[in-house]
Protein backbone atom coordinates (compact mmCIF):
# COMPACT_ATOMS: atom_id res chain seq x y z
CA UNK A 1 -2.30 -2.61 81.27
CA UNK A 2 -0.03 -3.98 78.47
CA UNK A 3 -2.18 -7.04 78.34
CA UNK A 4 -5.39 -5.04 77.68
CA UNK A 5 -3.48 -2.86 75.14
CA UNK A 6 -2.22 -5.85 73.22
CA UNK A 7 -5.85 -7.33 73.24
CA UNK A 8 -7.21 -4.15 72.04
CA UNK A 9 -4.55 -3.94 69.14
CA UNK A 10 -5.42 -7.64 68.28
CA UNK A 11 -9.17 -6.71 68.12
CA UNK A 12 -8.53 -3.70 65.85
CA UNK A 13 -6.36 -5.95 63.67
CA UNK A 14 -9.07 -8.50 63.47
CA UNK A 15 -11.60 -5.92 62.32
CA UNK A 16 -9.19 -4.63 59.72
CA UNK A 17 -8.54 -8.29 58.60
CA UNK A 18 -12.24 -8.82 58.16
CA UNK A 19 -12.53 -5.66 56.07
CA UNK A 20 -9.56 -6.66 53.93
CA UNK A 21 -10.90 -10.23 53.46
CA UNK A 22 -14.16 -8.97 52.27
CA UNK A 23 -12.41 -6.63 49.80
CA UNK A 24 -10.10 -9.51 48.50
CA UNK A 25 -13.09 -11.81 48.23
CA UNK A 26 -15.17 -9.24 46.44
CA UNK A 27 -12.46 -8.37 43.96
CA UNK A 28 -11.54 -11.92 43.16
CA UNK A 29 -15.26 -12.74 42.48
CA UNK A 30 -15.58 -9.76 40.21
CA UNK A 31 -12.23 -10.77 38.34
CA UNK A 32 -13.40 -14.36 37.92
CA UNK A 33 -16.67 -13.23 36.39
CA UNK A 34 -14.96 -10.75 34.17
CA UNK A 35 -12.37 -13.24 32.83
CA UNK A 36 -14.75 -16.29 33.03
CA UNK A 37 -12.10 -18.33 34.93
CA UNK A 38 -12.92 -19.65 38.46
CA UNK A 39 -9.21 -19.75 39.51
CA UNK A 40 -9.34 -16.13 40.79
CA UNK A 41 -12.19 -16.90 42.95
CA UNK A 42 -10.44 -20.09 44.38
CA UNK A 43 -7.21 -18.17 44.85
CA UNK A 44 -8.91 -15.45 46.74
CA UNK A 45 -10.54 -17.86 49.01
CA UNK A 46 -7.36 -19.63 49.66
CA UNK A 47 -5.34 -16.52 50.32
CA UNK A 48 -7.93 -15.26 52.80
CA UNK A 49 -8.14 -18.54 54.70
CA UNK A 50 -4.10 -18.71 54.79
CA UNK A 51 -3.62 -15.31 56.25
CA UNK A 52 -6.58 -15.60 58.57
CA UNK A 53 -5.04 -18.79 60.00
CA UNK A 54 -1.68 -16.89 60.40
CA UNK A 55 -3.47 -14.14 62.23
CA UNK A 56 -5.16 -16.53 64.58
CA UNK A 57 -1.64 -17.31 66.00
CA UNK A 58 -1.25 -13.62 67.19
CA UNK A 59 -4.03 -14.17 69.79
CA UNK A 60 -1.48 -15.99 71.77
CA UNK A 61 0.98 -13.27 71.51
CA UNK A 62 4.41 -13.52 69.99
CA UNK A 63 7.49 -13.32 72.36
CA UNK A 64 10.64 -13.66 70.20
CA UNK A 65 12.10 -15.29 67.30
CA UNK A 66 13.49 -18.86 67.73
CA UNK A 67 14.87 -21.41 65.23
CA UNK A 68 12.10 -23.15 63.12
CA UNK A 69 10.34 -25.93 64.74
CA UNK A 70 11.15 -28.50 62.19
CA UNK A 71 8.72 -31.25 62.88
CA UNK A 72 5.81 -28.84 62.96
CA UNK A 73 6.95 -27.20 59.70
CA UNK A 74 7.62 -30.44 57.76
CA UNK A 75 4.75 -32.55 59.24
CA UNK A 76 2.11 -29.75 59.82
CA UNK A 77 2.64 -26.91 57.35
CA UNK A 78 3.81 -28.61 54.30
CA UNK A 79 1.21 -31.37 54.11
CA UNK A 80 -1.61 -28.84 54.83
CA UNK A 81 -0.23 -26.64 52.11
CA UNK A 82 -0.07 -29.43 49.58
CA UNK A 83 -3.58 -30.66 50.54
CA UNK A 84 -4.99 -27.44 49.99
CA UNK A 85 -3.24 -26.60 46.64
CA UNK A 86 -2.98 -30.01 45.08
CA UNK A 87 -6.68 -30.50 43.91
CA UNK A 88 -6.41 -27.19 41.86
CA UNK A 89 -3.66 -28.49 39.80
CA UNK A 90 -5.65 -31.63 38.51
CA UNK A 91 -5.34 -30.16 34.89
CA UNK A 92 -1.60 -30.89 35.04
CA UNK A 93 -1.68 -34.29 36.89
CA UNK A 94 -2.01 -37.45 34.85
CA UNK A 95 -3.78 -39.28 37.65
CA UNK A 96 -6.95 -38.68 39.70
CA UNK A 97 -8.63 -36.06 37.58
CA UNK A 98 -12.20 -37.17 38.50
CA UNK A 99 -11.29 -37.45 42.32
CA UNK A 100 -9.69 -34.01 42.30
CA UNK A 101 -12.57 -32.40 40.44
CA UNK A 102 -15.17 -33.83 42.96
CA UNK A 103 -12.90 -32.51 45.74
CA UNK A 104 -13.04 -29.06 44.28
CA UNK A 105 -16.84 -29.03 44.25
CA UNK A 106 -16.96 -29.03 47.97
CA UNK A 107 -14.62 -26.35 48.99
CA UNK A 108 -14.54 -27.09 52.79
CA UNK A 109 -11.32 -28.97 52.55
CA UNK A 110 -9.62 -25.83 50.97
CA UNK A 111 -10.74 -23.48 53.62
CA UNK A 112 -9.89 -26.01 56.44
CA UNK A 113 -6.37 -26.91 55.16
CA UNK A 114 -5.55 -23.34 54.19
CA UNK A 115 -6.34 -22.13 57.64
CA UNK A 116 -4.51 -25.00 59.13
CA UNK A 117 -1.46 -24.38 56.98
CA UNK A 118 -1.39 -20.48 57.89
CA UNK A 119 -1.76 -21.55 61.58
CA UNK A 120 0.96 -24.22 61.63
CA UNK A 121 3.30 -21.91 59.60
CA UNK A 122 3.23 -19.25 62.20
CA UNK A 123 3.34 -21.79 65.03
CA UNK A 124 6.57 -23.19 63.56
CA UNK A 125 8.13 -19.91 63.03
CA UNK A 126 7.40 -18.15 66.40
CA UNK A 127 7.46 -18.74 70.16
CA UNK A 128 4.61 -17.80 72.35
CA UNK A 129 4.27 -16.18 75.70
CA UNK A 130 3.28 -18.57 78.63
């Protein structure tokens, strides 16, 4: 019975997450149209992908807190976070402006690496049930 209850709670949480994601994406799109800057739309998409990846970890079920898994944190989370944020700072970087601008045009990398960074962050922080 507890297994069924936990899966039901996870499903209700996933439905709420989808609703919140749609609200955040809609609000960030409206805000970027009002201000004329695309950074709000980009930040909204990044945020939604990040916390969706973190929520995917809860499917396995959390057991208890343990020390941070340092290799996964430093070799998984931080590179994925940098790869998802770095192209949007091309205005401030002296190198690779054209490369980063072309990378922004296809936002697949941002969604993938944002999802992976949220997922690996939660994996490195928590322990899972067998």
